[in-house]
């Protein structure tokens, strides 16, 4: 298990998560739902082989706020994540992640590898 914190100020930004292989993208909406489901299950994370980003379920982020620059928060029903990092550390304001939560996009949080520090959780 691992958790992640802001590299700049060490504020924790995730709960303890288990590492899993990156799943294939979800391409169909669940019946009766407008949004695609989250790419990853709650409580897990994966490393993108394409970008190196640490990908989380949107429910597994804490201690962050939306970027103060409104140009980073584009989307029609949520955040599209196409204009650079759109989440900042709630403590120091450092850019730490990009959230995709728009109606047409995969639901996920992509942590910026250089902006976060992995903290190993003690074995239980």
Protein backbone atom coordinates (compact mmCIF):
# COMPACT_ATOMS: atom_id res chain seq x y z
CA UNK A 1 0.00 0.00 0.00
CA UNK A 2 1.10 3.52 -0.77
CA UNK A 3 -0.17 7.03 -0.28
CA UNK A 4 0.83 10.24 -2.03
CA UNK A 5 1.73 13.69 -0.74
CA UNK A 6 2.61 17.04 -2.29
CA UNK A 7 6.37 17.12 -2.93
CA UNK A 8 6.48 20.85 -2.22
CA UNK A 9 4.93 20.86 1.28
CA UNK A 10 4.36 17.15 2.12
CA UNK A 11 0.59 17.54 2.60
CA UNK A 12 -1.03 14.16 2.09
CA UNK A 13 -3.29 14.10 -0.97
CA UNK A 14 -4.43 10.46 -1.07
CA UNK A 15 -5.47 7.72 1.31
CA UNK A 16 -3.59 4.41 1.38
CA UNK A 17 -3.95 2.83 -2.06
CA UNK A 18 -2.99 -0.52 -3.55
CA UNK A 19 -1.11 -0.61 -6.86
CA UNK A 20 -2.87 -2.45 -9.70
CA UNK A 21 -2.14 -2.88 -13.41
CA UNK A 22 -3.52 -0.14 -15.65
CA UNK A 23 -6.90 -1.33 -16.92
CA UNK A 24 -8.09 -0.76 -20.48
CA UNK A 25 -10.19 2.37 -20.96
CA UNK A 26 -13.92 2.11 -20.40
CA UNK A 27 -15.60 3.08 -23.65
CA UNK A 28 -19.29 2.64 -22.89
CA UNK A 29 -21.56 4.34 -20.40
CA UNK A 30 -23.29 2.16 -17.86
CA UNK A 31 -26.99 1.77 -18.73
CA UNK A 32 -28.96 4.71 -17.34
CA UNK A 33 -25.85 6.84 -16.67
CA UNK A 34 -24.60 9.86 -18.60
CA UNK A 35 -20.96 9.60 -17.50
CA UNK A 36 -18.37 6.91 -18.08
CA UNK A 37 -17.49 5.07 -14.86
CA UNK A 38 -14.15 5.64 -13.10
CA UNK A 39 -11.22 3.92 -14.78
CA UNK A 40 -9.95 2.49 -11.47
CA UNK A 41 -11.71 0.99 -8.50
CA UNK A 42 -11.85 2.98 -5.26
CA UNK A 43 -8.72 2.35 -3.18
CA UNK A 44 -6.38 1.59 -6.07
CA UNK A 45 -3.91 3.34 -8.36
CA UNK A 46 -1.99 2.48 -11.53
CA UNK A 47 0.91 3.95 -13.45
CA UNK A 48 0.23 5.04 -17.02
CA UNK A 49 2.74 3.46 -19.39
CA UNK A 50 2.15 6.35 -21.82
CA UNK A 51 2.66 9.35 -19.52
CA UNK A 52 4.06 7.96 -16.26
CA UNK A 53 1.16 9.63 -14.44
CA UNK A 54 -0.17 7.99 -11.30
CA UNK A 55 -3.84 7.37 -12.03
CA UNK A 56 -6.42 7.27 -9.23
CA UNK A 57 -10.15 6.92 -8.78
CA UNK A 58 -11.67 10.44 -8.42
CA UNK A 59 -12.88 9.51 -4.92
CA UNK A 60 -9.27 8.86 -3.80
CA UNK A 61 -8.02 12.44 -3.76
CA UNK A 62 -7.96 14.78 -0.77
CA UNK A 63 -6.30 18.00 0.31
CA UNK A 64 -6.52 19.56 -3.15
CA UNK A 65 -8.55 22.36 -4.71
CA UNK A 66 -9.37 23.39 -8.25
CA UNK A 67 -6.74 25.45 -10.05
CA UNK A 68 -7.18 29.23 -9.54
CA UNK A 69 -6.78 29.86 -13.30
CA UNK A 70 -10.26 29.45 -14.86
CA UNK A 71 -8.66 28.48 -18.19
CA UNK A 72 -7.53 25.23 -16.51
CA UNK A 73 -11.10 24.32 -15.50
CA UNK A 74 -12.72 23.82 -18.92
CA UNK A 75 -15.46 21.28 -19.57
CA UNK A 76 -19.21 21.20 -20.04
CA UNK A 77 -20.34 18.89 -17.23
CA UNK A 78 -17.08 18.52 -15.31
CA UNK A 79 -13.37 19.04 -15.87
CA UNK A 80 -12.06 17.89 -19.25
CA UNK A 81 -8.39 17.91 -18.25
CA UNK A 82 -7.19 19.13 -21.64
CA UNK A 83 -5.67 22.44 -20.55
CA UNK A 84 -2.98 21.32 -18.13
CA UNK A 85 -3.10 20.47 -14.46
CA UNK A 86 -6.38 21.58 -12.91
CA UNK A 87 -5.87 20.56 -9.26
CA UNK A 88 -3.50 22.23 -6.83
CA UNK A 89 -2.35 21.35 -3.33
CA UNK A 90 -4.79 22.86 -0.86
CA UNK A 91 -1.92 23.79 1.45
CA UNK A 92 0.73 25.39 -0.79
CA UNK A 93 -0.99 25.82 -4.18
CA UNK A 94 1.46 23.66 -6.16
CA UNK A 95 0.02 21.99 -9.26
CA UNK A 96 -0.31 18.30 -8.38
CA UNK A 97 -2.86 16.64 -10.66
CA UNK A 98 -5.26 16.70 -13.57
CA UNK A 99 -8.84 15.61 -13.05
CA UNK A 100 -10.92 14.26 -15.93
CA UNK A 101 -14.59 14.30 -14.97
CA UNK A 102 -16.43 15.62 -18.01
CA UNK A 103 -19.38 13.73 -19.49
CA UNK A 104 -17.39 12.48 -22.49
CA UNK A 105 -14.13 11.63 -20.69
CA UNK A 106 -12.86 8.78 -18.59
CA UNK A 107 -13.36 9.55 -14.89
CA UNK A 108 -9.92 9.74 -13.25
CA UNK A 109 -7.29 11.74 -11.41
CA UNK A 110 -3.78 11.78 -12.92
CA UNK A 111 -1.13 12.80 -10.38
CA UNK A 112 1.94 14.57 -11.78
CA UNK A 113 4.87 12.26 -10.91
CA UNK A 114 7.33 15.10 -10.18
CA UNK A 115 4.78 16.96 -8.04
CA UNK A 116 3.96 14.13 -5.65
CA UNK A 117 5.90 11.87 -3.32
CA UNK A 118 4.96 8.25 -2.75
CA UNK A 119 4.80 7.29 0.91
CA UNK A 120 4.94 3.56 1.65
CA UNK A 121 2.35 2.51 4.19
CA UNK A 122 3.41 0.24 7.05
CA UNK A 123 2.53 -3.41 6.50
CA UNK A 124 -0.47 -4.61 8.44
